[in-house]
Amino acid sequence: MIHLSPIILSILIIAQYVLGSFANGFIALVNCIDWVKKHKISCADRILTALAVSRISLLWIIVFNWYGTVLHPAIYSSEVRTTVYIAWVASNHFCLWLATSLSILYLLKIANFSSLLFLHLKWRAERVVIMILWGTSVFLVFHLAVVGTDEEMKMNVYKGNITWESKLRDIAHLSNGIIFVLVHFIPFTISLTAVLLLIFSMWKHLKKMQVSGKGFQDPSTEVHLRAMQTVISFLLIFVIYFFAQIISFWNFGIMQNNSVPLLCQVFGILYPSSHSFILIWGNKKLRQAFLSLLRQLRCWLKERK
């Protein structure tokens, strides 16, 4: 069982990588083809396409990390590990904030509130999303600087006072850990706020429909439900991803000879792979294209028989 466990976990990582690459590649391809045909692309589709590309890069980084730690540890030197970690930080940043921006866009486009501030933001939804993405890039630069300092402290041999060296390393690692938590906590909080406001907006809408006697089945309710499904699924999968990364981050040094790091990678790769299928199913254009692809595949298999 001890020997089979890494093999099973490795198979799960590869399977999720293949499925995730297909789902994200499908999203990017469908949106790009639609862009070429119509000569225009909506803000939501731009975010979805960028999110798909960033998730493909994140999948590549996770699989490369698995390859280096499991199959070829000899080539996974400190320099290579640092480069991979920095690439993961950048890719993870774009994955998180593009998904968060999508949640904000859904909130501003779908929810209905009478607040003047909300209406002001609603009229400028695309500009708000762009400003958020540009603003968080400053946070990315700061995060990369902290990561670079922490990794440099780990690799370099300090020739001065050993106690002072140890304190500096502890401070650098603690700073990296705090930034690591904030990087994940802030977008999670924003997305959680977005879904709570969507729920409140739908509750107000249903209450208004009930008073008018029109029933609950209407386009606005359906749009609310689909947006909430996308955001809630992102939050649930993100929580699993976050805890997997926390365990891997704080216990990296003591888990080198067991299956826990592999298990963390399995749960980590679940986020960029599985959520993309939910995005496909929650988007009308992507869902229709996916069902069309399945029908063509079924016809092709019948012809082969």
C-alpha atoms as a PDB file:
ATOM      1  CA  MET A   1       0.000   0.000   0.000  1.00  0.00           C
ATOM      2  CA  ILE A   2       2.877   2.363   0.773  1.00  0.00           C
ATOM      3  CA  HIS A   3       4.354   1.755  -2.685  1.00  0.00           C
ATOM      4  CA  LEU A   4       0.994   1.878  -4.504  1.00  0.00           C
ATOM      5  CA  SER A   5      -0.093   5.151  -2.929  1.00  0.00           C
ATOM      6  CA  PRO A   6       2.367   7.446  -4.844  1.00  0.00           C
ATOM      7  CA  ILE A   7       1.490   5.633  -8.083  1.00  0.00           C
ATOM      8  CA  ILE A   8      -2.254   6.121  -7.607  1.00  0.00           C
ATOM      9  CA  LEU A   9      -1.805   9.781  -6.653  1.00  0.00           C
ATOM     10  CA  SER A  10       0.472  10.338  -9.657  1.00  0.00           C
ATOM     11  CA  ILE A  11      -2.158   8.814 -11.963  1.00  0.00           C
ATOM     12  CA  LEU A  12      -4.761  11.172 -10.483  1.00  0.00           C
ATOM     13  CA  ILE A  13      -2.466  14.163 -11.105  1.00  0.00           C
ATOM     14  CA  ILE A  14      -1.909  13.177 -14.754  1.00  0.00           C
ATOM     15  CA  ALA A  15      -5.630  12.495 -15.305  1.00  0.00           C
ATOM     16  CA  GLN A  16      -6.619  15.878 -13.882  1.00  0.00           C
ATOM     17  CA  TYR A  17      -3.900  17.576 -15.920  1.00  0.00           C
ATOM     18  CA  VAL A  18      -5.257  16.052 -19.162  1.00  0.00           C
ATOM     19  CA  LEU A  19      -8.883  16.911 -18.329  1.00  0.00           C
ATOM     20  CA  GLY A  20      -7.974  20.417 -17.146  1.00  0.00           C
ATOM     21  CA  SER A  21      -5.890  21.136 -20.247  1.00  0.00           C
ATOM     22  CA  PHE A  22      -8.773  19.979 -22.439  1.00  0.00           C
ATOM     23  CA  ALA A  23     -11.394  22.083 -20.593  1.00  0.00           C
ATOM     24  CA  ASN A  24      -9.297  25.255 -20.494  1.00  0.00           C
ATOM     25  CA  GLY A  25      -8.088  24.795 -24.059  1.00  0.00           C
ATOM     26  CA  PHE A  26     -11.704  24.328 -25.145  1.00  0.00           C
ATOM     27  CA  ILE A  27     -12.779  27.585 -23.430  1.00  0.00           C
ATOM     28  CA  ALA A  28      -9.946  29.561 -25.011  1.00  0.00           C
ATOM     29  CA  LEU A  29     -10.498  28.031 -28.475  1.00  0.00           C
ATOM     30  CA  VAL A  30     -14.289  28.588 -28.552  1.00  0.00           C
ATOM     31  CA  ASN A  31     -13.953  32.209 -27.431  1.00  0.00           C
ATOM     32  CA  CYS A  32     -11.136  32.933 -29.902  1.00  0.00           C
ATOM     33  CA  ILE A  33     -13.111  31.411 -32.809  1.00  0.00           C
ATOM     34  CA  ASP A  34     -16.183  33.456 -31.806  1.00  0.00           C
ATOM     35  CA  TRP A  35     -13.980  36.567 -31.580  1.00  0.00           C
ATOM     36  CA  VAL A  36     -12.647  36.017 -35.116  1.00  0.00           C
ATOM     37  CA  LYS A  37     -16.158  35.428 -36.494  1.00  0.00           C
ATOM     38  CA  LYS A  38     -17.873  38.415 -34.844  1.00  0.00           C
ATOM     39  CA  HIS A  39     -14.812  40.745 -34.714  1.00  0.00           C
ATOM     40  CA  LYS A  40     -15.692  41.561 -31.094  1.00  0.00           C
ATOM     41  CA  ILE A  41     -15.533  39.875 -27.710  1.00  0.00           C
ATOM     42  CA  SER A  42     -17.375  40.668 -24.481  1.00  0.00           C
ATOM     43  CA  CYS A  43     -15.627  41.523 -21.221  1.00  0.00           C
ATOM     44  CA  ALA A  44     -16.790  38.226 -19.652  1.00  0.00           C
ATOM     45  CA  ASP A  45     -15.390  36.223 -22.581  1.00  0.00           C
ATOM     46  CA  ARG A  46     -12.083  38.103 -22.385  1.00  0.00           C
ATOM     47  CA  ILE A  47     -11.796  37.238 -18.696  1.00  0.00           C
ATOM     48  CA  LEU A  48     -12.758  33.593 -19.348  1.00  0.00           C
ATOM     49  CA  THR A  49     -10.145  33.301 -22.120  1.00  0.00           C
ATOM     50  CA  ALA A  50      -7.393  34.871 -20.022  1.00  0.00           C
ATOM     51  CA  LEU A  51      -8.427  32.671 -17.071  1.00  0.00           C
ATOM     52  CA  ALA A  52      -8.255  29.555 -19.248  1.00  0.00           C
ATOM     53  CA  VAL A  53      -4.754  30.446 -20.515  1.00  0.00           C
ATOM     54  CA  SER A  54      -3.485  31.210 -16.996  1.00  0.00           C
ATOM     55  CA  ARG A  55      -4.924  27.928 -15.710  1.00  0.00           C
ATOM     56  CA  ILE A  56      -3.207  25.987 -18.482  1.00  0.00           C
ATOM     57  CA  SER A  57       0.102  27.535 -17.395  1.00  0.00           C
ATOM     58  CA  LEU A  58      -0.708  26.687 -13.748  1.00  0.00           C
ATOM     59  CA  LEU A  59      -1.422  23.078 -14.736  1.00  0.00           C
ATOM     60  CA  TRP A  60       1.931  22.890 -16.552  1.00  0.00           C
ATOM     61  CA  ILE A  61       3.752  24.231 -13.488  1.00  0.00           C
ATOM     62  CA  ILE A  62       2.026  21.791 -11.110  1.00  0.00           C
ATOM     63  CA  VAL A  63       2.819  18.838 -13.378  1.00  0.00           C
ATOM     64  CA  PHE A  64       6.431  19.960 -13.794  1.00  0.00           C
ATOM     65  CA  ASN A  65       6.708  20.203 -10.011  1.00  0.00           C
ATOM     66  CA  TRP A  66       5.314  16.658  -9.725  1.00  0.00           C
ATOM     67  CA  TYR A  67       7.788  15.457 -12.388  1.00  0.00           C
ATOM     68  CA  GLY A  68      10.730  17.037 -10.567  1.00  0.00           C
ATOM     69  CA  THR A  69       9.800  15.886  -7.060  1.00  0.00           C
ATOM     70  CA  VAL A  70       8.645  12.344  -7.920  1.00  0.00           C
ATOM     71  CA  LEU A  71      10.321  11.135 -11.130  1.00  0.00           C
ATOM     72  CA  HIS A  72      13.576  13.106 -11.310  1.00  0.00           C
ATOM     73  CA  PRO A  73      14.510  14.612  -7.928  1.00  0.00           C
ATOM     74  CA  ALA A  74      18.153  14.850  -9.052  1.00  0.00           C
ATOM     75  CA  ILE A  75      17.396  17.620 -11.571  1.00  0.00           C
ATOM     76  CA  TYR A  76      15.170  19.487  -9.102  1.00  0.00           C
ATOM     77  CA  SER A  77      17.887  21.668  -7.607  1.00  0.00           C
ATOM     78  CA  SER A  78      17.281  24.680  -5.360  1.00  0.00           C
ATOM     79  CA  GLU A  79      17.598  27.043  -8.346  1.00  0.00           C
ATOM     80  CA  VAL A  80      15.071  25.066 -10.401  1.00  0.00           C
ATOM     81  CA  ARG A  81      12.678  24.806  -7.445  1.00  0.00           C
ATOM     82  CA  THR A  82      12.888  28.578  -6.881  1.00  0.00           C
ATOM     83  CA  THR A  83      12.198  29.297 -10.564  1.00  0.00           C
ATOM     84  CA  VAL A  84       9.202  26.957 -10.538  1.00  0.00           C
ATOM     85  CA  TYR A  85       7.897  28.524  -7.328  1.00  0.00           C
ATOM     86  CA  ILE A  86       8.161  32.056  -8.742  1.00  0.00           C
ATOM     87  CA  ALA A  87       6.390  30.927 -11.926  1.00  0.00           C
ATOM     88  CA  TRP A  88       3.678  29.339  -9.754  1.00  0.00           C
ATOM     89  CA  VAL A  89       3.241  32.583  -7.767  1.00  0.00           C
ATOM     90  CA  ALA A  90       2.709  34.606 -10.961  1.00  0.00           C
ATOM     91  CA  SER A  91       0.388  32.054 -12.587  1.00  0.00           C
ATOM     92  CA  ASN A  92      -1.563  31.498  -9.370  1.00  0.00           C
ATOM     93  CA  HIS A  93      -2.012  35.274  -8.981  1.00  0.00           C
ATOM     94  CA  PHE A  94      -3.621  35.629 -12.412  1.00  0.00           C
ATOM     95  CA  CYS A  95      -5.812  32.547 -11.885  1.00  0.00           C
ATOM     96  CA  LEU A  96      -7.144  33.876  -8.575  1.00  0.00           C
ATOM     97  CA  TRP A  97      -7.740  37.461  -9.608  1.00  0.00           C
ATOM     98  CA  LEU A  98      -9.233  36.661 -13.015  1.00  0.00           C
ATOM     99  CA  ALA A  99     -11.722  34.305 -11.308  1.00  0.00           C
ATOM    100  CA  THR A 100     -12.409  36.989  -8.687  1.00  0.00           C
ATOM    101  CA  SER A 101     -12.888  39.608 -11.423  1.00  0.00           C
ATOM    102  CA  LEU A 102     -15.383  37.282 -13.087  1.00  0.00           C
ATOM    103  CA  SER A 103     -17.321  37.099  -9.793  1.00  0.00           C
ATOM    104  CA  ILE A 104     -17.317  40.911  -9.540  1.00  0.00           C
ATOM    105  CA  LEU A 105     -18.443  41.251 -13.161  1.00  0.00           C
ATOM    106  CA  TYR A 106     -21.330  38.817 -12.584  1.00  0.00           C
ATOM    107  CA  LEU A 107     -22.350  40.783  -9.497  1.00  0.00           C
ATOM    108  CA  LEU A 108     -22.300  44.160 -11.264  1.00  0.00           C
ATOM    109  CA  LYS A 109     -24.038  42.909 -14.417  1.00  0.00           C
ATOM    110  CA  ILE A 110     -26.719  40.728 -12.783  1.00  0.00           C
ATOM    111  CA  ALA A 111     -27.535  42.073  -9.313  1.00  0.00           C
ATOM    112  CA  ASN A 112     -30.021  44.903  -8.841  1.00  0.00           C
ATOM    113  CA  PHE A 113     -29.591  47.406  -5.992  1.00  0.00           C
ATOM    114  CA  SER A 114     -30.818  50.967  -5.687  1.00  0.00           C
ATOM    115  CA  SER A 115     -27.610  52.247  -4.075  1.00  0.00           C
ATOM    116  CA  LEU A 116     -26.060  55.126  -6.021  1.00  0.00           C
ATOM    117  CA  LEU A 117     -22.563  53.705  -5.474  1.00  0.00           C
ATOM    118  CA  PHE A 118     -23.621  50.308  -6.840  1.00  0.00           C
ATOM    119  CA  LEU A 119     -25.329  51.899  -9.852  1.00  0.00           C
ATOM    120  CA  HIS A 120     -22.214  53.982 -10.512  1.00  0.00           C
ATOM    121  CA  LEU A 121     -20.069  50.813 -10.463  1.00  0.00           C
ATOM    122  CA  LYS A 122     -22.660  48.893 -12.521  1.00  0.00           C
ATOM    123  CA  TRP A 123     -22.512  51.446 -15.333  1.00  0.00           C
ATOM    124  CA  ARG A 124     -18.716  51.161 -15.345  1.00  0.00           C
ATOM    125  CA  ALA A 125     -18.454  47.401 -14.751  1.00  0.00           C
ATOM    126  CA  GLU A 126     -15.793  46.725 -17.376  1.00  0.00           C
ATOM    127  CA  ARG A 127     -13.673  49.654 -16.229  1.00  0.00           C
ATOM    128  CA  VAL A 128     -13.954  48.478 -12.599  1.00  0.00           C
ATOM    129  CA  VAL A 129     -12.713  44.994 -13.536  1.00  0.00           C
ATOM    130  CA  ILE A 130      -9.779  46.375 -15.532  1.00  0.00           C
ATOM    131  CA  MET A 131      -8.790  48.684 -12.667  1.00  0.00           C
ATOM    132  CA  ILE A 132      -8.889  45.763 -10.208  1.00  0.00           C
ATOM    133  CA  LEU A 133      -6.654  43.631 -12.429  1.00  0.00           C
ATOM    134  CA  TRP A 134      -4.152  46.475 -12.922  1.00  0.00           C
ATOM    135  CA  GLY A 135      -4.239  47.354  -9.216  1.00  0.00           C
ATOM    136  CA  THR A 136      -3.514  43.812  -8.081  1.00  0.00           C
ATOM    137  CA  SER A 137      -0.461  43.669 -10.370  1.00  0.00           C
ATOM    138  CA  VAL A 138       1.267  45.928  -7.817  1.00  0.00           C
ATOM    139  CA  PHE A 139       0.507  43.315  -5.180  1.00  0.00           C
ATOM    140  CA  LEU A 140       2.015  40.659  -7.468  1.00  0.00           C
ATOM    141  CA  VAL A 141       5.288  42.607  -7.781  1.00  0.00           C
ATOM    142  CA  PHE A 142       5.472  42.959  -3.994  1.00  0.00           C
ATOM    143  CA  HIS A 143       4.726  39.244  -3.517  1.00  0.00           C
ATOM    144  CA  LEU A 144       7.436  38.255  -6.012  1.00  0.00           C
ATOM    145  CA  ALA A 145       9.939  40.498  -4.193  1.00  0.00           C
ATOM    146  CA  VAL A 146       9.134  38.826  -0.849  1.00  0.00           C
ATOM    147  CA  VAL A 147       9.344  35.344  -2.405  1.00  0.00           C
ATOM    148  CA  GLY A 148      12.672  36.184  -4.066  1.00  0.00           C
ATOM    149  CA  THR A 149      14.110  37.438  -0.758  1.00  0.00           C
ATOM    150  CA  ASP A 150      12.888  34.350   1.115  1.00  0.00           C
ATOM    151  CA  GLU A 151      14.307  31.930  -1.455  1.00  0.00           C
ATOM    152  CA  GLU A 152      17.607  33.815  -1.620  1.00  0.00           C
ATOM    153  CA  MET A 153      17.920  33.626   2.181  1.00  0.00           C
ATOM    154  CA  LYS A 154      17.386  29.866   1.996  1.00  0.00           C
ATOM    155  CA  MET A 155      20.033  29.302  -0.708  1.00  0.00           C
ATOM    156  CA  ASN A 156      22.768  31.733   0.340  1.00  0.00           C
ATOM    157  CA  VAL A 157      25.185  30.875   3.107  1.00  0.00           C
ATOM    158  CA  TYR A 158      25.478  33.782   5.500  1.00  0.00           C
ATOM    159  CA  LYS A 159      29.018  34.129   6.924  1.00  0.00           C
ATOM    160  CA  GLY A 160      28.214  36.442   9.820  1.00  0.00           C
ATOM    161  CA  ASN A 161      26.486  35.806  13.135  1.00  0.00           C
ATOM    162  CA  ILE A 162      24.590  32.486  12.993  1.00  0.00           C
ATOM    163  CA  THR A 163      21.857  33.663  15.377  1.00  0.00           C
ATOM    164  CA  TRP A 164      21.266  36.792  13.310  1.00  0.00           C
ATOM    165  CA  GLU A 165      21.206  34.680  10.145  1.00  0.00           C
ATOM    166  CA  SER A 166      18.577  32.384  11.642  1.00  0.00           C
ATOM    167  CA  LYS A 167      16.432  35.358  12.706  1.00  0.00           C
ATOM    168  CA  LEU A 168      16.635  36.912   9.241  1.00  0.00           C
ATOM    169  CA  ARG A 169      15.579  33.636   7.621  1.00  0.00           C
ATOM    170  CA  ASP A 170      12.684  33.258  10.055  1.00  0.00           C
ATOM    171  CA  ILE A 171      11.521  36.828   9.384  1.00  0.00           C
ATOM    172  CA  ALA A 172      11.743  36.342   5.612  1.00  0.00           C
ATOM    173  CA  HIS A 173       9.868  33.032   5.747  1.00  0.00           C
ATOM    174  CA  LEU A 174       7.204  34.446   8.082  1.00  0.00           C
ATOM    175  CA  SER A 175       6.720  37.463   5.802  1.00  0.00           C
ATOM    176  CA  ASN A 176       6.381  35.123   2.837  1.00  0.00           C
ATOM    177  CA  GLY A 177       3.830  33.061   4.766  1.00  0.00           C
ATOM    178  CA  ILE A 178       1.736  36.102   5.726  1.00  0.00           C
ATOM    179  CA  ILE A 179       1.733  37.369   2.136  1.00  0.00           C
ATOM    180  CA  PHE A 180       0.867  33.841   0.970  1.00  0.00           C
ATOM    181  CA  VAL A 181      -2.226  33.783   3.214  1.00  0.00           C
ATOM    182  CA  LEU A 182      -3.296  37.326   2.226  1.00  0.00           C
ATOM    183  CA  VAL A 183      -2.876  36.526  -1.479  1.00  0.00           C
ATOM    184  CA  HIS A 184      -5.522  33.817  -1.120  1.00  0.00           C
ATOM    185  CA  PHE A 185      -7.692  35.344   1.614  1.00  0.00           C
ATOM    186  CA  ILE A 186      -8.396  38.680  -0.124  1.00  0.00           C
ATOM    187  CA  PRO A 187      -9.799  37.282  -3.420  1.00  0.00           C
ATOM    188  CA  PHE A 188     -11.732  34.638  -1.456  1.00  0.00           C
ATOM    189  CA  THR A 189     -13.343  37.342   0.707  1.00  0.00           C
ATOM    190  CA  ILE A 190     -14.243  39.431  -2.349  1.00  0.00           C
ATOM    191  CA  SER A 191     -15.782  36.439  -4.142  1.00  0.00           C
ATOM    192  CA  LEU A 192     -17.671  35.438  -0.984  1.00  0.00           C
ATOM    193  CA  THR A 193     -19.047  38.981  -0.697  1.00  0.00           C
ATOM    194  CA  ALA A 194     -20.083  38.840  -4.365  1.00  0.00           C
ATOM    195  CA  VAL A 195     -22.017  35.588  -3.928  1.00  0.00           C
ATOM    196  CA  LEU A 196     -23.731  36.844  -0.744  1.00  0.00           C
ATOM    197  CA  LEU A 197     -24.826  40.009  -2.563  1.00  0.00           C
ATOM    198  CA  LEU A 198     -26.057  37.893  -5.491  1.00  0.00           C
ATOM    199  CA  ILE A 199     -28.098  35.764  -3.068  1.00  0.00           C
ATOM    200  CA  PHE A 200     -29.557  38.901  -1.470  1.00  0.00           C
ATOM    201  CA  SER A 201     -30.337  40.372  -4.898  1.00  0.00           C
ATOM    202  CA  MET A 202     -32.095  37.168  -5.991  1.00  0.00           C
ATOM    203  CA  TRP A 203     -34.058  37.060  -2.708  1.00  0.00           C
ATOM    204  CA  LYS A 204     -35.280  40.633  -3.337  1.00  0.00           C
ATOM    205  CA  HIS A 205     -36.168  39.727  -6.919  1.00  0.00           C
ATOM    206  CA  LEU A 206     -38.102  36.589  -5.886  1.00  0.00           C
ATOM    207  CA  LYS A 207     -39.942  38.543  -3.213  1.00  0.00           C
ATOM    208  CA  LYS A 208     -40.950  41.151  -5.805  1.00  0.00           C
ATOM    209  CA  MET A 209     -42.084  38.409  -8.216  1.00  0.00           C
ATOM    210  CA  GLN A 210     -44.135  36.761  -5.454  1.00  0.00           C
ATOM    211  CA  VAL A 211     -45.905  40.026  -4.617  1.00  0.00           C
ATOM    212  CA  SER A 212     -46.719  40.656  -8.280  1.00  0.00           C
ATOM    213  CA  GLY A 213     -47.942  37.023  -8.667  1.00  0.00           C
ATOM    214  CA  LYS A 214     -45.696  36.279 -11.673  1.00  0.00           C
ATOM    215  CA  GLY A 215     -44.078  33.161 -10.197  1.00  0.00           C
ATOM    216  CA  PHE A 216     -40.421  32.286  -9.798  1.00  0.00           C
ATOM    217  CA  GLN A 217     -39.491  31.007 -13.263  1.00  0.00           C
ATOM    218  CA  ASP A 218     -38.158  33.992 -15.196  1.00  0.00           C
ATOM    219  CA  PRO A 219     -34.921  34.841 -17.060  1.00  0.00           C
ATOM    220  CA  SER A 220     -33.555  37.024 -14.239  1.00  0.00           C
ATOM    221  CA  THR A 221     -33.882  34.212 -11.690  1.00  0.00           C
ATOM    222  CA  GLU A 222     -32.149  31.778 -14.034  1.00  0.00           C
ATOM    223  CA  VAL A 223     -29.279  34.226 -14.637  1.00  0.00           C
ATOM    224  CA  HIS A 224     -28.892  34.731 -10.886  1.00  0.00           C
ATOM    225  CA  LEU A 225     -28.799  30.972 -10.282  1.00  0.00           C
ATOM    226  CA  ARG A 226     -26.185  30.325 -12.986  1.00  0.00           C
ATOM    227  CA  ALA A 227     -23.933  33.115 -11.727  1.00  0.00           C
ATOM    228  CA  MET A 228     -24.262  31.863  -8.144  1.00  0.00           C
ATOM    229  CA  GLN A 229     -23.503  28.306  -9.265  1.00  0.00           C
ATOM    230  CA  THR A 230     -20.274  29.472 -10.920  1.00  0.00           C
ATOM    231  CA  VAL A 231     -19.113  31.619  -7.987  1.00  0.00           C
ATOM    232  CA  ILE A 232     -20.099  29.154  -5.231  1.00  0.00           C
ATOM    233  CA  SER A 233     -18.368  26.260  -7.012  1.00  0.00           C
ATOM    234  CA  PHE A 234     -15.262  28.420  -7.349  1.00  0.00           C
ATOM    235  CA  LEU A 235     -15.331  29.176  -3.610  1.00  0.00           C
ATOM    236  CA  LEU A 236     -15.775  25.517  -2.589  1.00  0.00           C
ATOM    237  CA  ILE A 237     -12.979  24.251  -4.837  1.00  0.00           C
ATOM    238  CA  PHE A 238     -10.818  27.215  -3.885  1.00  0.00           C
ATOM    239  CA  VAL A 239     -11.098  26.359  -0.157  1.00  0.00           C
ATOM    240  CA  ILE A 240      -9.769  22.842  -0.889  1.00  0.00           C
ATOM    241  CA  TYR A 241      -6.988  24.318  -3.025  1.00  0.00           C
ATOM    242  CA  PHE A 242      -6.081  26.879  -0.357  1.00  0.00           C
ATOM    243  CA  PHE A 243      -5.765  24.327   2.456  1.00  0.00           C
ATOM    244  CA  ALA A 244      -3.709  22.030   0.215  1.00  0.00           C
ATOM    245  CA  GLN A 245      -1.308  24.898  -0.530  1.00  0.00           C
ATOM    246  CA  ILE A 246      -1.126  25.915   3.149  1.00  0.00           C
ATOM    247  CA  ILE A 247      -0.195  22.366   4.220  1.00  0.00           C
ATOM    248  CA  SER A 248       2.375  22.128   1.424  1.00  0.00           C
ATOM    249  CA  PHE A 249       3.844  25.578   2.221  1.00  0.00           C
ATOM    250  CA  TRP A 250       4.263  25.217   5.995  1.00  0.00           C
ATOM    251  CA  ASN A 251       5.313  21.561   6.051  1.00  0.00           C
ATOM    252  CA  PHE A 252       7.462  21.270   2.935  1.00  0.00           C
ATOM    253  CA  GLY A 253      10.608  20.392   4.842  1.00  0.00           C
ATOM    254  CA  ILE A 254       9.150  17.545   6.908  1.00  0.00           C
ATOM    255  CA  MET A 255       7.129  15.783   4.195  1.00  0.00           C
ATOM    256  CA  GLN A 256       9.758  14.829   1.682  1.00  0.00           C
ATOM    257  CA  ASN A 257       9.498  11.066   2.210  1.00  0.00           C
ATOM    258  CA  ASN A 258       5.752  10.441   2.361  1.00  0.00           C
ATOM    259  CA  SER A 259       2.638  10.812   0.209  1.00  0.00           C
ATOM    260  CA  VAL A 260       1.313  14.016   1.799  1.00  0.00           C
ATOM    261  CA  PRO A 261       3.015  16.379  -0.725  1.00  0.00           C
ATOM    262  CA  LEU A 262       1.567  14.297  -3.577  1.00  0.00           C
ATOM    263  CA  LEU A 263      -1.870  14.414  -1.972  1.00  0.00           C
ATOM    264  CA  CYS A 264      -1.554  18.206  -1.722  1.00  0.00           C
ATOM    265  CA  GLN A 265      -0.710  18.326  -5.427  1.00  0.00           C
ATOM    266  CA  VAL A 266      -3.772  16.185  -6.245  1.00  0.00           C
ATOM    267  CA  PHE A 267      -6.054  18.610  -4.391  1.00  0.00           C
ATOM    268  CA  GLY A 268      -4.100  21.570  -5.790  1.00  0.00           C
ATOM    269  CA  ILE A 269      -4.585  20.537  -9.414  1.00  0.00           C
ATOM    270  CA  LEU A 270      -8.305  19.955  -8.747  1.00  0.00           C
ATOM    271  CA  TYR A 271      -8.861  23.743  -8.715  1.00  0.00           C
ATOM    272  CA  PRO A 272      -7.617  24.728 -12.207  1.00  0.00           C
ATOM    273  CA  SER A 273      -9.034  21.569 -13.836  1.00  0.00           C
ATOM    274  CA  SER A 274     -12.491  20.819 -12.408  1.00  0.00           C
ATOM    275  CA  HIS A 275     -13.783  24.395 -12.069  1.00  0.00           C
ATOM    276  CA  SER A 276     -13.267  24.947 -15.800  1.00  0.00           C
ATOM    277  CA  PHE A 277     -15.904  22.282 -16.574  1.00  0.00           C
ATOM    278  CA  ILE A 278     -18.323  24.156 -14.295  1.00  0.00           C
ATOM    279  CA  LEU A 279     -17.554  27.356 -16.219  1.00  0.00           C
ATOM    280  CA  ILE A 280     -18.322  25.545 -19.483  1.00  0.00           C
ATOM    281  CA  TRP A 281     -21.636  24.254 -18.178  1.00  0.00           C
ATOM    282  CA  GLY A 282     -22.611  27.629 -16.711  1.00  0.00           C
ATOM    283  CA  ASN A 283     -21.972  29.555 -19.950  1.00  0.00           C
ATOM    284  CA  LYS A 284     -24.627  29.141 -22.657  1.00  0.00           C
ATOM    285  CA  LYS A 285     -22.263  29.528 -25.619  1.00  0.00           C
ATOM    286  CA  LEU A 286     -19.622  27.197 -24.173  1.00  0.00           C
ATOM    287  CA  ARG A 287     -22.248  24.646 -23.093  1.00  0.00           C
ATOM    288  CA  GLN A 288     -23.779  24.519 -26.589  1.00  0.00           C
ATOM    289  CA  ALA A 289     -20.334  24.167 -28.203  1.00  0.00           C
ATOM    290  CA  PHE A 290     -19.410  21.391 -25.746  1.00  0.00           C
ATOM    291  CA  LEU A 291     -22.661  19.470 -26.387  1.00  0.00           C
ATOM    292  CA  SER A 292     -22.126  19.886 -30.125  1.00  0.00           C
ATOM    293  CA  LEU A 293     -18.627  18.447 -29.747  1.00  0.00           C
ATOM    294  CA  LEU A 294     -20.012  15.459 -27.808  1.00  0.00           C
ATOM    295  CA  ARG A 295     -22.629  14.808 -30.528  1.00  0.00           C
ATOM    296  CA  GLN A 296     -19.961  14.920 -33.237  1.00  0.00           C
ATOM    297  CA  LEU A 297     -17.774  12.571 -31.228  1.00  0.00           C
ATOM    298  CA  ARG A 298     -20.644  10.138 -30.747  1.00  0.00           C
ATOM    299  CA  CYS A 299     -21.403  10.181 -34.498  1.00  0.00           C
ATOM    300  CA  TRP A 300     -17.728   9.599 -35.272  1.00  0.00           C
ATOM    301  CA  LEU A 301     -17.604   6.616 -32.892  1.00  0.00           C
ATOM    302  CA  LYS A 302     -20.718   5.128 -34.511  1.00  0.00           C
ATOM    303  CA  GLU A 303     -19.157   5.465 -37.957  1.00  0.00           C
ATOM    304  CA  ARG A 304     -16.000   3.742 -36.710  1.00  0.00           C
ATOM    305  CA  LYS A 305     -18.058   0.761 -35.587  1.00  0.00           C
END
